[in-house]
Amino acid sequence: MTKVILQGHIVVSDSDLSAVQSELQVHIESTQNEEGCLLFKVTQDPENKNIFSVYEEFVDQLAFEAHQQRVKNSRWEKVTMGVERHYRISERT
């Protein structure tokens, strides 16, 4: 089976920071409870409050796509609409 891994970071503007911080724990817990999620971490940079590191692992492409679909219909999608995303997606067996 081929895992899908997403890693990178997001840059959140000062105007969106409070909303992102408020919704982050719900987003993390929702994702960690998804079928096929192996690992999901989002951590705020201790030196730059506007940068959050993102690391995701899903069992396969279908699980990753299901996650993406769920996020599109979530409050997280709304509060991060203006967020700058820098991701690299890879596959690993």
Protein backbone atom coordinates (compact mmCIF):
# COMPACT_ATOMS: atom_id res chain seq x y z
CA MET A 1 0.00 0.00 0.00
CA THR A 2 1.25 3.50 -0.85
CA LYS A 3 0.92 6.17 1.85
CA VAL A 4 0.23 9.77 0.95
CA ILE A 5 2.24 12.36 2.87
CA LEU A 6 1.65 16.08 2.88
CA GLN A 7 4.21 18.33 4.52
CA GLY A 8 4.87 22.02 4.55
CA HIS A 9 3.49 25.09 6.22
CA ILE A 10 0.80 27.73 6.14
CA VAL A 11 1.23 31.47 6.63
CA VAL A 12 -1.66 33.13 8.42
CA SER A 13 -2.24 36.87 8.30
CA ASP A 14 -2.62 38.81 11.54
CA SER A 15 -6.28 39.42 10.68
CA ASP A 16 -6.98 35.66 10.39
CA LEU A 17 -4.76 34.47 13.23
CA SER A 18 -7.33 34.47 16.02
CA ALA A 19 -9.91 32.53 13.97
CA VAL A 20 -7.30 29.96 12.87
CA GLN A 21 -6.07 29.46 16.42
CA SER A 22 -9.65 29.06 17.67
CA GLU A 23 -10.56 26.43 15.08
CA LEU A 24 -7.24 24.55 14.95
CA GLN A 25 -7.87 21.99 17.71
CA VAL A 26 -11.24 21.00 16.23
CA HIS A 27 -9.59 20.57 12.83
CA ILE A 28 -6.79 18.44 14.27
CA GLU A 29 -9.16 16.19 16.23
CA SER A 30 -11.56 15.81 13.30
CA THR A 31 -8.73 14.82 10.99
CA GLN A 32 -7.10 12.43 13.46
CA ASN A 33 -10.47 10.65 13.77
CA GLU A 34 -10.82 10.14 10.01
CA GLU A 35 -10.56 6.61 8.71
CA GLY A 36 -7.17 6.23 7.05
CA CYS A 37 -5.40 9.03 8.91
CA LEU A 38 -2.07 7.74 10.24
CA LEU A 39 -0.63 11.01 11.51
CA PHE A 40 -1.75 14.62 11.50
CA LYS A 41 0.14 17.48 13.15
CA VAL A 42 -0.20 21.23 12.86
CA THR A 43 2.09 23.28 15.09
CA GLN A 44 2.54 27.00 15.45
CA ASP A 45 6.10 28.24 15.04
CA PRO A 46 7.39 29.46 18.42
CA GLU A 47 9.32 32.33 16.81
CA ASN A 48 6.82 33.44 14.15
CA LYS A 49 3.20 33.23 15.31
CA ASN A 50 1.94 33.48 11.72
CA ILE A 51 3.58 30.25 10.51
CA PHE A 52 2.17 26.78 11.23
CA SER A 53 4.00 23.59 10.23
CA VAL A 54 1.77 20.90 8.72
CA TYR A 55 2.46 17.16 8.49
CA GLU A 56 -0.10 14.58 7.34
CA GLU A 57 0.05 10.86 6.58
CA PHE A 58 -2.81 8.86 5.14
CA VAL A 59 -2.92 5.14 4.38
CA ASP A 60 -3.57 5.73 0.67
CA GLN A 61 -4.77 8.17 -1.97
CA LEU A 62 -8.45 7.42 -1.29
CA ALA A 63 -8.10 8.30 2.41
CA PHE A 64 -6.23 11.49 1.51
CA GLU A 65 -8.92 12.47 -1.00
CA ALA A 66 -11.67 11.77 1.56
CA HIS A 67 -9.85 14.07 3.98
CA GLN A 68 -9.60 16.81 1.35
CA GLN A 69 -13.32 16.48 0.63
CA ARG A 70 -14.26 16.67 4.31
CA VAL A 71 -12.13 19.77 4.77
CA LYS A 72 -13.86 21.50 1.83
CA ASN A 73 -17.12 21.29 3.77
CA SER A 74 -15.73 22.28 7.16
CA ARG A 75 -15.46 25.44 9.21
CA TRP A 76 -11.65 25.09 8.87
CA GLU A 77 -12.00 25.73 5.14
CA LYS A 78 -13.88 28.94 5.83
CA VAL A 79 -11.46 30.34 8.43
CA THR A 80 -8.39 29.46 6.34
CA MET A 81 -9.70 30.69 2.99
CA GLY A 82 -7.11 33.50 2.86
CA VAL A 83 -4.21 31.47 4.24
CA GLU A 84 -1.05 31.09 2.16
CA ARG A 85 -0.27 27.36 1.74
CA HIS A 86 3.13 25.83 0.97
CA TYR A 87 2.75 22.05 0.69
CA ARG A 88 4.60 19.15 -0.85
CA ILE A 89 2.66 15.94 -1.41
CA SER A 90 4.50 12.66 -1.87
CA GLU A 91 3.85 8.93 -1.82
CA ARG A 92 5.75 6.32 0.13
CA THR A 93 5.40 2.56 0.28
